[in-house]
Amino acid sequence: MSVTSLFLEMKDKTVLIVGAGSVGIRRARRFLDAKAHVNIVTRSIDDEIKEELILKGAQFYNNDKLDELIEECDLVVIATNNLELNRKIALKAEGKLINCASDITLSNVIVPSTFKIGPVTFSIYTDSKSPLMAKELRKKIQSIITPEDIGYIELQEYVRTLLKESVPSQAKRKDYMIKINENETISKLIGEDKIEEAKSYAKTLINNIK
């Protein structure tokens, strides 16, 4: 596959999930959390999990609705353990966005291992070579991201907003952000988790720079 990384706005999009094993359930939770409309076709599912997904907004259907559901959806997630059935569903869904965890050749969309630390989203994809290593890499990333890193992100969002209001030049805004980011007092305040004080001091710096 020739793939590139994208983040898609899923709010109000319709996702069809066929199969409710571990993969189907993970995908359902993920797209429900992203505010998508999730329809699930499955022969069986744990009652407690089904209730959880319904409370989040999922709807469940029988196989006889499959063709209609495919026609109406934006993305098809094929998650059965029947490889031949997966191929048949992929053929029915030709022209749609398709994710099939069991056979990458049937997919035109990859759903990578994804996690968040504060406002930052990380996605890891090993070209289907090693899901195990994707988990290991996730652990390494989580171990090196510090609260200070997250603090700087919050600060820079604030600084960017202030600069956009008063500095028309993008190049100058970038220079100001670098200077603020490297300021020793700012670093000390961020290190002490004093984000609001860092914002206040950054505002003073911006006024002085101008």
N, C-alpha and C. Protein backbone atom coordinates (compact mmCIF):
# COMPACT_ATOMS: atom_id res chain seq x y z
N MET A 1 0.83 -1.20 0.00
CA MET A 1 0.00 0.00 0.00
C MET A 1 0.87 1.25 0.00
N SER A 2 0.39 2.26 -0.67
CA SER A 2 1.03 3.59 -0.61
C SER A 2 0.16 4.45 0.29
N VAL A 3 0.60 4.63 1.53
CA VAL A 3 -0.25 5.30 2.52
C VAL A 3 0.40 6.57 3.05
N THR A 4 -0.43 7.45 3.58
CA THR A 4 0.05 8.65 4.26
C THR A 4 -0.81 8.86 5.49
N SER A 5 -0.28 9.54 6.49
CA SER A 5 -1.00 9.75 7.75
C SER A 5 -1.97 10.91 7.62
N LEU A 6 -3.19 10.72 8.13
CA LEU A 6 -4.21 11.76 8.13
C LEU A 6 -5.00 11.67 9.43
N PHE A 7 -5.54 12.80 9.86
CA PHE A 7 -6.52 12.80 10.92
C PHE A 7 -7.84 13.24 10.29
N LEU A 8 -8.89 12.44 10.47
CA LEU A 8 -10.18 12.72 9.84
C LEU A 8 -11.19 13.20 10.87
N GLU A 9 -11.97 14.19 10.49
CA GLU A 9 -13.09 14.63 11.31
C GLU A 9 -14.20 13.57 11.20
N MET A 10 -14.49 12.87 12.29
CA MET A 10 -15.45 11.78 12.24
C MET A 10 -16.81 12.14 12.81
N LYS A 11 -16.94 13.33 13.36
CA LYS A 11 -18.24 13.71 13.94
C LYS A 11 -19.33 13.64 12.88
N ASP A 12 -20.39 12.90 13.20
CA ASP A 12 -21.57 12.73 12.34
C ASP A 12 -21.31 11.88 11.10
N LYS A 13 -20.10 11.34 10.96
CA LYS A 13 -19.87 10.36 9.90
C LYS A 13 -20.47 9.03 10.34
N THR A 14 -20.78 8.16 9.37
CA THR A 14 -21.38 6.87 9.68
C THR A 14 -20.37 5.76 9.45
N VAL A 15 -20.13 4.99 10.50
CA VAL A 15 -19.18 3.89 10.45
C VAL A 15 -19.93 2.58 10.63
N LEU A 16 -19.71 1.66 9.71
CA LEU A 16 -20.29 0.32 9.82
C LEU A 16 -19.21 -0.64 10.27
N ILE A 17 -19.47 -1.36 11.33
CA ILE A 17 -18.53 -2.37 11.83
C ILE A 17 -19.18 -3.73 11.70
N VAL A 18 -18.53 -4.61 10.94
CA VAL A 18 -19.05 -5.96 10.74
C VAL A 18 -18.19 -6.92 11.56
N GLY A 19 -18.78 -7.49 12.60
CA GLY A 19 -18.04 -8.34 13.51
C GLY A 19 -17.78 -7.63 14.81
N ALA A 20 -17.92 -8.36 15.92
CA ALA A 20 -17.76 -7.73 17.24
C ALA A 20 -16.87 -8.56 18.14
N GLY A 21 -15.74 -8.99 17.57
CA GLY A 21 -14.70 -9.58 18.39
C GLY A 21 -13.90 -8.46 19.02
N SER A 22 -12.69 -8.76 19.48
CA SER A 22 -11.89 -7.75 20.18
C SER A 22 -11.58 -6.55 19.29
N VAL A 23 -11.27 -6.81 18.00
CA VAL A 23 -10.96 -5.71 17.08
C VAL A 23 -12.19 -4.85 16.83
N GLY A 24 -13.31 -5.49 16.53
CA GLY A 24 -14.53 -4.75 16.27
C GLY A 24 -14.96 -3.89 17.45
N ILE A 25 -14.81 -4.43 18.65
CA ILE A 25 -15.18 -3.68 19.86
C ILE A 25 -14.26 -2.48 20.05
N ARG A 26 -12.94 -2.68 19.85
CA ARG A 26 -12.01 -1.54 19.98
C ARG A 26 -12.34 -0.46 18.97
N ARG A 27 -12.61 -0.87 17.73
CA ARG A 27 -12.94 0.12 16.70
C ARG A 27 -14.24 0.85 17.05
N ALA A 28 -15.22 0.11 17.54
CA ALA A 28 -16.51 0.72 17.89
C ALA A 28 -16.31 1.79 18.97
N ARG A 29 -15.57 1.45 20.01
CA ARG A 29 -15.32 2.43 21.07
C ARG A 29 -14.58 3.65 20.53
N ARG A 30 -13.63 3.39 19.69
CA ARG A 30 -12.81 4.49 19.14
C ARG A 30 -13.67 5.46 18.33
N PHE A 31 -14.50 4.94 17.44
CA PHE A 31 -15.28 5.84 16.58
C PHE A 31 -16.47 6.45 17.33
N LEU A 32 -16.98 5.77 18.33
CA LEU A 32 -18.01 6.39 19.17
C LEU A 32 -17.42 7.56 19.95
N ASP A 33 -16.20 7.38 20.46
CA ASP A 33 -15.54 8.48 21.17
C ASP A 33 -15.28 9.67 20.25
N ALA A 34 -15.15 9.39 18.94
CA ALA A 34 -14.92 10.46 17.96
C ALA A 34 -16.23 11.05 17.45
N LYS A 35 -17.36 10.69 18.09
CA LYS A 35 -18.69 11.25 17.78
C LYS A 35 -19.24 10.80 16.44
N ALA A 36 -18.78 9.64 15.96
CA ALA A 36 -19.34 9.08 14.72
C ALA A 36 -20.62 8.31 15.05
N HIS A 37 -21.45 8.13 14.01
CA HIS A 37 -22.60 7.22 14.12
C HIS A 37 -22.08 5.82 13.82
N VAL A 38 -22.24 4.91 14.76
CA VAL A 38 -21.67 3.57 14.61
C VAL A 38 -22.78 2.53 14.53
N ASN A 39 -22.79 1.80 13.41
CA ASN A 39 -23.70 0.68 13.22
C ASN A 39 -22.89 -0.61 13.27
N ILE A 40 -23.40 -1.60 13.99
CA ILE A 40 -22.66 -2.84 14.18
C ILE A 40 -23.50 -4.02 13.72
N VAL A 41 -22.92 -4.86 12.86
CA VAL A 41 -23.55 -6.10 12.43
C VAL A 41 -22.77 -7.25 13.05
N THR A 42 -23.42 -8.05 13.86
CA THR A 42 -22.74 -9.17 14.51
C THR A 42 -23.75 -10.25 14.88
N ARG A 43 -23.27 -11.48 14.91
CA ARG A 43 -24.12 -12.59 15.32
C ARG A 43 -24.18 -12.71 16.84
N SER A 44 -23.10 -12.34 17.51
CA SER A 44 -23.09 -12.47 18.97
C SER A 44 -22.12 -11.46 19.56
N ILE A 45 -22.43 -11.02 20.78
CA ILE A 45 -21.57 -10.10 21.50
C ILE A 45 -21.93 -10.18 22.98
N ASP A 46 -20.96 -10.01 23.83
CA ASP A 46 -21.20 -10.02 25.27
C ASP A 46 -22.27 -8.98 25.62
N ASP A 47 -23.25 -9.37 26.42
CA ASP A 47 -24.38 -8.48 26.74
C ASP A 47 -23.93 -7.19 27.41
N GLU A 48 -22.95 -7.30 28.30
CA GLU A 48 -22.47 -6.12 29.02
C GLU A 48 -21.81 -5.13 28.06
N ILE A 49 -20.99 -5.65 27.13
CA ILE A 49 -20.33 -4.79 26.15
C ILE A 49 -21.36 -4.18 25.20
N LYS A 50 -22.34 -4.98 24.80
CA LYS A 50 -23.40 -4.47 23.92
C LYS A 50 -24.13 -3.30 24.59
N GLU A 51 -24.46 -3.46 25.86
CA GLU A 51 -25.15 -2.40 26.58
C GLU A 51 -24.28 -1.14 26.65
N GLU A 52 -22.98 -1.34 26.91
CA GLU A 52 -22.05 -0.20 26.95
C GLU A 52 -22.06 0.57 25.63
N LEU A 53 -21.96 -0.17 24.52
CA LEU A 53 -21.89 0.47 23.20
C LEU A 53 -23.20 1.15 22.83
N ILE A 54 -24.32 0.54 23.21
CA ILE A 54 -25.62 1.15 22.94
C ILE A 54 -25.76 2.46 23.71
N LEU A 55 -25.30 2.46 24.96
CA LEU A 55 -25.37 3.69 25.77
C LEU A 55 -24.53 4.80 25.15
N LYS A 56 -23.46 4.43 24.45
CA LYS A 56 -22.62 5.42 23.78
C LYS A 56 -23.19 5.85 22.42
N GLY A 57 -24.23 5.14 21.95
CA GLY A 57 -24.87 5.55 20.71
C GLY A 57 -24.84 4.54 19.58
N ALA A 58 -24.22 3.39 19.78
CA ALA A 58 -24.15 2.38 18.71
C ALA A 58 -25.52 1.76 18.47
N GLN A 59 -25.73 1.31 17.23
CA GLN A 59 -26.93 0.58 16.88
C GLN A 59 -26.53 -0.77 16.31
N PHE A 60 -27.31 -1.79 16.63
CA PHE A 60 -27.00 -3.15 16.21
C PHE A 60 -28.02 -3.63 15.18
N TYR A 61 -27.50 -4.40 14.20
CA TYR A 61 -28.35 -4.89 13.11
C TYR A 61 -28.02 -6.35 12.79
N ASN A 62 -28.96 -7.01 12.11
CA ASN A 62 -28.74 -8.36 11.63
C ASN A 62 -28.11 -8.33 10.24
N ASN A 63 -27.65 -9.48 9.77
CA ASN A 63 -26.99 -9.59 8.48
C ASN A 63 -27.87 -9.16 7.31
N ASP A 64 -29.19 -9.29 7.46
CA ASP A 64 -30.08 -8.98 6.34
C ASP A 64 -30.10 -7.50 5.99
N LYS A 65 -29.53 -6.66 6.85
CA LYS A 65 -29.46 -5.22 6.59
C LYS A 65 -28.11 -4.81 6.02
N LEU A 66 -27.22 -5.78 5.78
CA LEU A 66 -25.83 -5.46 5.47
C LEU A 66 -25.69 -4.59 4.22
N ASP A 67 -26.32 -4.97 3.13
CA ASP A 67 -26.17 -4.20 1.88
C ASP A 67 -26.63 -2.76 2.06
N GLU A 68 -27.75 -2.59 2.73
CA GLU A 68 -28.28 -1.24 2.96
C GLU A 68 -27.34 -0.42 3.84
N LEU A 69 -26.79 -1.04 4.86
CA LEU A 69 -25.88 -0.35 5.78
C LEU A 69 -24.59 0.04 5.09
N ILE A 70 -24.09 -0.83 4.22
CA ILE A 70 -22.89 -0.49 3.45
C ILE A 70 -23.14 0.72 2.57
N GLU A 71 -24.27 0.74 1.94
CA GLU A 71 -24.61 1.85 1.03
C GLU A 71 -24.67 3.18 1.78
N GLU A 72 -25.13 3.14 3.03
CA GLU A 72 -25.35 4.38 3.79
C GLU A 72 -24.11 4.88 4.52
N CYS A 73 -23.08 4.02 4.68
CA CYS A 73 -21.97 4.39 5.56
C CYS A 73 -20.86 5.14 4.82
N ASP A 74 -20.00 5.78 5.61
CA ASP A 74 -18.81 6.45 5.07
C ASP A 74 -17.58 5.56 5.17
N LEU A 75 -17.55 4.72 6.20
CA LEU A 75 -16.40 3.84 6.44
C LEU A 75 -16.90 2.47 6.87
N VAL A 76 -16.32 1.42 6.26
CA VAL A 76 -16.65 0.05 6.64
C VAL A 76 -15.45 -0.55 7.38
N VAL A 77 -15.69 -1.03 8.58
CA VAL A 77 -14.66 -1.76 9.33
C VAL A 77 -15.04 -3.24 9.28
N ILE A 78 -14.21 -4.05 8.63
CA ILE A 78 -14.48 -5.47 8.51
C ILE A 78 -13.68 -6.20 9.57
N ALA A 79 -14.38 -6.83 10.51
CA ALA A 79 -13.69 -7.38 11.67
C ALA A 79 -14.21 -8.77 12.04
N THR A 80 -14.56 -9.57 11.05
CA THR A 80 -14.96 -10.94 11.34
C THR A 80 -13.73 -11.84 11.30
N ASN A 81 -13.87 -13.05 11.80
CA ASN A 81 -12.76 -14.01 11.74
C ASN A 81 -12.88 -14.97 10.56
N ASN A 82 -13.78 -14.63 9.64
CA ASN A 82 -14.00 -15.44 8.42
C ASN A 82 -13.37 -14.71 7.24
N LEU A 83 -12.23 -15.19 6.78
CA LEU A 83 -11.48 -14.48 5.75
C LEU A 83 -12.25 -14.38 4.44
N GLU A 84 -12.97 -15.43 4.08
CA GLU A 84 -13.74 -15.41 2.84
C GLU A 84 -14.88 -14.40 2.94
N LEU A 85 -15.54 -14.36 4.10
CA LEU A 85 -16.61 -13.38 4.30
C LEU A 85 -16.05 -11.97 4.25
N ASN A 86 -14.88 -11.77 4.82
CA ASN A 86 -14.26 -10.45 4.78
C ASN A 86 -14.04 -9.99 3.35
N ARG A 87 -13.59 -10.89 2.49
CA ARG A 87 -13.38 -10.54 1.08
C ARG A 87 -14.69 -10.18 0.40
N LYS A 88 -15.73 -10.93 0.70
CA LYS A 88 -17.05 -10.65 0.09
C LYS A 88 -17.57 -9.28 0.52
N ILE A 89 -17.40 -8.97 1.79
CA ILE A 89 -17.85 -7.67 2.29
C ILE A 89 -17.06 -6.54 1.64
N ALA A 90 -15.75 -6.74 1.49
CA ALA A 90 -14.90 -5.73 0.85
C ALA A 90 -15.34 -5.48 -0.58
N LEU A 91 -15.72 -6.53 -1.29
CA LEU A 91 -16.20 -6.38 -2.67
C LEU A 91 -17.51 -5.59 -2.69
N LYS A 92 -18.40 -5.89 -1.76
CA LYS A 92 -19.67 -5.16 -1.67
C LYS A 92 -19.43 -3.67 -1.38
N ALA A 93 -18.37 -3.40 -0.62
CA ALA A 93 -18.09 -2.03 -0.19
C ALA A 93 -17.16 -1.29 -1.13
N GLU A 94 -16.92 -1.82 -2.31
CA GLU A 94 -16.00 -1.17 -3.26
C GLU A 94 -16.42 0.28 -3.49
N GLY A 95 -15.44 1.18 -3.39
CA GLY A 95 -15.72 2.60 -3.54
C GLY A 95 -15.87 3.32 -2.21
N LYS A 96 -16.02 2.55 -1.13
CA LYS A 96 -16.10 3.12 0.21
C LYS A 96 -14.72 3.12 0.87
N LEU A 97 -14.59 3.82 1.98
CA LEU A 97 -13.41 3.67 2.82
C LEU A 97 -13.54 2.35 3.56
N ILE A 98 -12.47 1.53 3.51
CA ILE A 98 -12.53 0.18 4.08
C ILE A 98 -11.33 -0.06 4.97
N ASN A 99 -11.60 -0.58 6.15
CA ASN A 99 -10.53 -1.04 7.04
C ASN A 99 -10.78 -2.50 7.39
N CYS A 100 -9.82 -3.35 7.08
CA CYS A 100 -9.92 -4.77 7.41
C CYS A 100 -8.66 -5.18 8.16
N ALA A 101 -8.81 -5.45 9.46
CA ALA A 101 -7.65 -5.74 10.30
C ALA A 101 -6.98 -7.04 9.92
N SER A 102 -7.74 -8.00 9.41
CA SER A 102 -7.18 -9.33 9.13
C SER A 102 -6.48 -9.43 7.78
N ASP A 103 -6.72 -8.48 6.89
CA ASP A 103 -6.15 -8.55 5.54
C ASP A 103 -5.94 -7.13 5.01
N ILE A 104 -4.70 -6.67 5.10
CA ILE A 104 -4.41 -5.30 4.69
C ILE A 104 -4.68 -5.06 3.21
N THR A 105 -4.64 -6.13 2.40
CA THR A 105 -4.88 -5.97 0.96
C THR A 105 -6.32 -5.59 0.67
N LEU A 106 -7.22 -5.81 1.63
CA LEU A 106 -8.62 -5.43 1.44
C LEU A 106 -8.89 -4.00 1.92
N SER A 107 -7.89 -3.38 2.51
CA SER A 107 -8.06 -2.06 3.15
C SER A 107 -7.55 -0.93 2.27
N ASN A 108 -8.22 0.21 2.35
CA ASN A 108 -7.65 1.46 1.84
C ASN A 108 -7.53 2.49 2.96
N VAL A 109 -7.85 2.06 4.18
CA VAL A 109 -7.70 2.89 5.37
C VAL A 109 -7.03 2.04 6.46
N ILE A 110 -6.00 2.57 7.08
CA ILE A 110 -5.35 1.92 8.20
C ILE A 110 -5.77 2.63 9.49
N VAL A 111 -6.12 1.86 10.50
CA VAL A 111 -6.42 2.42 11.82
C VAL A 111 -5.24 2.09 12.72
N PRO A 112 -4.33 3.03 12.93
CA PRO A 112 -3.10 2.73 13.66
C PRO A 112 -3.32 2.67 15.16
N SER A 113 -2.32 2.16 15.85
CA SER A 113 -2.31 2.23 17.32
C SER A 113 -2.20 3.69 17.72
N THR A 114 -3.16 4.17 18.50
CA THR A 114 -3.23 5.60 18.82
C THR A 114 -3.45 5.80 20.31
N PHE A 115 -2.81 6.82 20.86
CA PHE A 115 -3.01 7.16 22.26
C PHE A 115 -2.76 8.65 22.44
N LYS A 116 -3.25 9.18 23.57
CA LYS A 116 -3.13 10.61 23.85
C LYS A 116 -2.38 10.83 25.15
N ILE A 117 -1.57 11.87 25.17
CA ILE A 117 -0.97 12.38 26.40
C ILE A 117 -1.32 13.86 26.44
N GLY A 118 -2.21 14.23 27.36
CA GLY A 118 -2.70 15.60 27.36
C GLY A 118 -3.40 15.89 26.05
N PRO A 119 -3.06 17.01 25.39
CA PRO A 119 -3.71 17.36 24.13
C PRO A 119 -3.03 16.74 22.91
N VAL A 120 -2.00 15.94 23.13
CA VAL A 120 -1.20 15.43 22.01
C VAL A 120 -1.63 14.01 21.66
N THR A 121 -1.89 13.78 20.38
CA THR A 121 -2.26 12.46 19.89
C THR A 121 -1.09 11.83 19.16
N PHE A 122 -0.78 10.59 19.51
CA PHE A 122 0.29 9.84 18.86
C PHE A 122 -0.31 8.65 18.13
N SER A 123 0.14 8.43 16.90
CA SER A 123 -0.29 7.25 16.14
C SER A 123 0.95 6.51 15.66
N ILE A 124 0.92 5.19 15.81
CA ILE A 124 2.06 4.36 15.43
C ILE A 124 1.59 3.29 14.46
N TYR A 125 2.28 3.18 13.34
CA TYR A 125 1.96 2.16 12.34
C TYR A 125 3.26 1.55 11.84
N THR A 126 3.38 0.24 11.93
CA THR A 126 4.61 -0.44 11.55
C THR A 126 4.49 -1.13 10.19
N ASP A 127 3.59 -0.62 9.34
CA ASP A 127 3.37 -1.22 8.02
C ASP A 127 2.96 -2.68 8.14
N SER A 128 2.19 -2.96 9.21
CA SER A 128 1.67 -4.31 9.50
C SER A 128 2.77 -5.34 9.75
N LYS A 129 3.98 -4.88 9.98
CA LYS A 129 5.09 -5.82 10.18
C LYS A 129 5.16 -6.33 11.62
N SER A 130 4.77 -5.50 12.60
CA SER A 130 4.93 -5.93 13.99
C SER A 130 4.01 -5.15 14.92
N PRO A 131 2.78 -5.63 15.13
CA PRO A 131 1.90 -5.01 16.12
C PRO A 131 2.52 -5.01 17.52
N LEU A 132 3.31 -6.04 17.82
CA LEU A 132 3.97 -6.10 19.13
C LEU A 132 4.92 -4.93 19.32
N MET A 133 5.70 -4.61 18.26
CA MET A 133 6.63 -3.49 18.37
C MET A 133 5.89 -2.16 18.45
N ALA A 134 4.73 -2.08 17.84
CA ALA A 134 3.92 -0.86 17.96
C ALA A 134 3.60 -0.61 19.44
N LYS A 135 3.27 -1.69 20.16
CA LYS A 135 2.99 -1.56 21.59
C LYS A 135 4.24 -1.15 22.36
N GLU A 136 5.38 -1.73 22.00
CA GLU A 136 6.63 -1.40 22.69
C GLU A 136 7.03 0.05 22.44
N LEU A 137 6.87 0.50 21.19
CA LEU A 137 7.19 1.89 20.86
C LEU A 137 6.27 2.85 21.61
N ARG A 138 5.02 2.44 21.73
CA ARG A 138 4.07 3.27 22.49
C ARG A 138 4.56 3.45 23.93
N LYS A 139 5.01 2.39 24.56
CA LYS A 139 5.51 2.46 25.93
C LYS A 139 6.71 3.40 26.02
N LYS A 140 7.61 3.32 25.04
CA LYS A 140 8.79 4.18 25.05
C LYS A 140 8.41 5.64 24.93
N ILE A 141 7.49 5.94 24.03
CA ILE A 141 7.05 7.33 23.86
C ILE A 141 6.40 7.85 25.14
N GLN A 142 5.54 7.03 25.73
CA GLN A 142 4.87 7.45 26.96
C GLN A 142 5.86 7.71 28.09
N SER A 143 6.98 6.98 28.07
CA SER A 143 7.95 7.12 29.15
C SER A 143 8.80 8.39 29.04
N ILE A 144 8.91 8.96 27.84
CA ILE A 144 9.79 10.12 27.67
C ILE A 144 9.05 11.45 27.60
N ILE A 145 7.73 11.43 27.39
CA ILE A 145 6.97 12.67 27.37
C ILE A 145 6.76 13.14 28.81
N THR A 146 7.14 14.37 29.09
CA THR A 146 7.07 14.88 30.46
C THR A 146 5.91 15.87 30.63
N PRO A 147 5.50 16.13 31.87
CA PRO A 147 4.49 17.17 32.11
C PRO A 147 4.93 18.53 31.57
N GLU A 148 6.25 18.79 31.59
CA GLU A 148 6.76 20.06 31.05
C GLU A 148 6.46 20.17 29.56
N ASP A 149 6.59 19.08 28.82
CA ASP A 149 6.28 19.09 27.40
C ASP A 149 4.83 19.52 27.17
N ILE A 150 3.93 18.96 27.95
CA ILE A 150 2.51 19.29 27.82
C ILE A 150 2.27 20.74 28.23
N GLY A 151 2.99 21.19 29.26
CA GLY A 151 2.86 22.58 29.70
C GLY A 151 3.27 23.56 28.61
N TYR A 152 4.35 23.23 27.90
CA TYR A 152 4.80 24.10 26.81
C TYR A 152 3.77 24.17 25.69
N ILE A 153 3.10 23.06 25.42
CA ILE A 153 2.07 23.07 24.37
C ILE A 153 0.95 24.02 24.75
N GLU A 154 0.50 23.94 26.00
CA GLU A 154 -0.57 24.84 26.46
C GLU A 154 -0.12 26.29 26.40
N LEU A 155 1.12 26.54 26.81
CA LEU A 155 1.64 27.91 26.78
C LEU A 155 1.72 28.44 25.35
N GLN A 156 2.22 27.62 24.45
CA GLN A 156 2.40 28.10 23.07
C GLN A 156 1.07 28.35 22.37
N GLU A 157 0.05 27.58 22.74
CA GLU A 157 -1.28 27.88 22.19
C GLU A 157 -1.72 29.28 22.61
N TYR A 158 -1.48 29.60 23.87
CA TYR A 158 -1.83 30.91 24.41
C TYR A 158 -1.01 32.01 23.73
N VAL A 159 0.29 31.78 23.59
CA VAL A 159 1.18 32.77 22.98
C VAL A 159 0.80 33.01 21.52
N ARG A 160 0.53 31.94 20.80
CA ARG A 160 0.14 32.09 19.38
C ARG A 160 -1.10 32.95 19.23
N THR A 161 -2.07 32.75 20.12
CA THR A 161 -3.30 33.53 20.06
C THR A 161 -3.01 35.01 20.30
N LEU A 162 -2.18 35.31 21.28
CA LEU A 162 -1.82 36.71 21.55
C LEU A 162 -1.10 37.34 20.37
N LEU A 163 -0.14 36.60 19.81
CA LEU A 163 0.66 37.14 18.71
C LEU A 163 -0.17 37.37 17.45
N LYS A 164 -1.12 36.50 17.19
CA LYS A 164 -1.96 36.67 16.00
C LYS A 164 -2.79 37.95 16.07
N GLU A 165 -3.06 38.38 17.29
CA GLU A 165 -3.86 39.60 17.45
C GLU A 165 -3.05 40.86 17.20
N SER A 166 -1.72 40.78 17.29
CA SER A 166 -0.93 42.01 17.24
C SER A 166 0.27 41.97 16.31
N VAL A 167 0.65 40.79 15.83
CA VAL A 167 1.83 40.68 14.97
C VAL A 167 1.42 40.05 13.64
N PRO A 168 1.32 40.84 12.58
CA PRO A 168 0.82 40.30 11.30
C PRO A 168 1.81 39.37 10.60
N SER A 169 3.09 39.54 10.85
CA SER A 169 4.10 38.73 10.15
C SER A 169 4.24 37.36 10.79
N GLN A 170 4.04 36.31 10.00
CA GLN A 170 4.20 34.95 10.51
C GLN A 170 5.64 34.68 10.92
N ALA A 171 6.59 35.21 10.15
CA ALA A 171 8.00 35.00 10.47
C ALA A 171 8.35 35.63 11.82
N LYS A 172 7.82 36.83 12.08
CA LYS A 172 8.10 37.48 13.36
C LYS A 172 7.43 36.74 14.51
N ARG A 173 6.23 36.26 14.27
CA ARG A 173 5.54 35.49 15.31
C ARG A 173 6.36 34.26 15.69
N LYS A 174 6.93 33.61 14.68
CA LYS A 174 7.75 32.43 14.95
C LYS A 174 8.98 32.80 15.79
N ASP A 175 9.63 33.93 15.44
CA ASP A 175 10.81 34.38 16.20
C ASP A 175 10.44 34.66 17.65
N TYR A 176 9.30 35.33 17.86
CA TYR A 176 8.86 35.65 19.21
C TYR A 176 8.59 34.37 20.01
N MET A 177 7.96 33.40 19.37
CA MET A 177 7.63 32.16 20.06
C MET A 177 8.89 31.41 20.47
N ILE A 178 9.91 31.44 19.62
CA ILE A 178 11.18 30.79 19.95
C ILE A 178 11.83 31.48 21.15
N LYS A 179 11.84 32.82 21.13
CA LYS A 179 12.43 33.56 22.25
C LYS A 179 11.71 33.27 23.57
N ILE A 180 10.39 33.22 23.52
CA ILE A 180 9.62 32.94 24.73
C ILE A 180 9.86 31.51 25.19
N ASN A 181 9.94 30.61 24.23
CA ASN A 181 10.16 29.20 24.56
C ASN A 181 11.51 28.97 25.23
N GLU A 182 12.51 29.80 24.87
CA GLU A 182 13.87 29.64 25.40
C GLU A 182 14.14 30.51 26.62
N ASN A 183 13.14 31.28 27.04
CA ASN A 183 13.32 32.18 28.18
C ASN A 183 13.49 31.37 29.47
N GLU A 184 14.48 31.71 30.28
CA GLU A 184 14.79 30.94 31.48
C GLU A 184 13.67 31.00 32.52
N THR A 185 13.08 32.19 32.67
CA THR A 185 11.99 32.31 33.65
C THR A 185 10.79 31.47 33.23
N ILE A 186 10.49 31.50 31.94
CA ILE A 186 9.40 30.66 31.41
C ILE A 186 9.70 29.19 31.70
N SER A 187 10.92 28.76 31.43
CA SER A 187 11.31 27.37 31.67
C SER A 187 11.13 26.99 33.14
N LYS A 188 11.52 27.90 34.04
CA LYS A 188 11.40 27.63 35.47
C LYS A 188 9.94 27.49 35.88
N LEU A 189 9.09 28.38 35.38
CA LEU A 189 7.67 28.34 35.73
C LEU A 189 6.99 27.09 35.19
N ILE A 190 7.34 26.72 33.97
CA ILE A 190 6.77 25.50 33.39
C ILE A 190 7.23 24.28 34.19
N GLY A 191 8.50 24.27 34.56
CA GLY A 191 9.03 23.16 35.35
C GLY A 191 8.36 23.02 36.71
N GLU A 192 7.88 24.13 37.24
CA GLU A 192 7.19 24.12 38.53
C GLU A 192 5.67 23.97 38.36
N ASP A 193 5.25 23.70 37.12
CA ASP A 193 3.82 23.51 36.79
C ASP A 193 2.99 24.76 37.10
N LYS A 194 3.60 25.92 36.92
CA LYS A 194 2.91 27.19 37.13
C LYS A 194 2.54 27.77 35.76
N ILE A 195 1.59 27.10 35.11
CA ILE A 195 1.25 27.43 33.72
C ILE A 195 0.64 28.82 33.62
N GLU A 196 -0.25 29.16 34.53
CA GLU A 196 -0.91 30.47 34.45
C GLU A 196 0.10 31.60 34.68
N GLU A 197 1.03 31.38 35.60
CA GLU A 197 2.08 32.39 35.82
C GLU A 197 2.98 32.50 34.59
N ALA A 198 3.25 31.37 33.94
CA ALA A 198 4.06 31.39 32.71
C ALA A 198 3.34 32.16 31.62
N LYS A 199 2.04 31.99 31.53
CA LYS A 199 1.25 32.73 30.53
C LYS A 199 1.32 34.23 30.80
N SER A 200 1.17 34.59 32.06
CA SER A 200 1.21 36.01 32.43
C SER A 200 2.57 36.61 32.10
N TYR A 201 3.62 35.89 32.41
CA TYR A 201 4.97 36.39 32.13
C TYR A 201 5.20 36.47 30.62
N ALA A 202 4.70 35.48 29.88
CA ALA A 202 4.83 35.51 28.42
C ALA A 202 4.12 36.72 27.83
N LYS A 203 2.98 37.06 28.38
CA LYS A 203 2.24 38.24 27.90
C LYS A 203 3.06 39.50 28.12
N THR A 204 3.73 39.58 29.27
CA THR A 204 4.60 40.73 29.55
C THR A 204 5.74 40.78 28.55
N LEU A 205 6.34 39.65 28.26
CA LEU A 205 7.44 39.59 27.29
C LEU A 205 6.97 40.07 25.91
N ILE A 206 5.80 39.65 25.51
CA ILE A 206 5.27 40.04 24.20
C ILE A 206 5.07 41.55 24.15
N ASN A 207 4.51 42.12 25.21
CA ASN A 207 4.32 43.56 25.24
C ASN A 207 5.64 44.30 25.18
N ASN A 208 6.66 43.77 25.85
CA ASN A 208 7.98 44.41 25.83
C ASN A 208 8.65 44.29 24.46
N ILE A 209 8.47 43.12 23.83
CA ILE A 209 9.06 42.91 22.49
C ILE A 209 8.46 43.90 21.50
N LYS A 210 7.15 44.07 21.61
CA LYS A 210 6.48 44.99 20.67
C LYS A 210 6.93 46.43 20.92
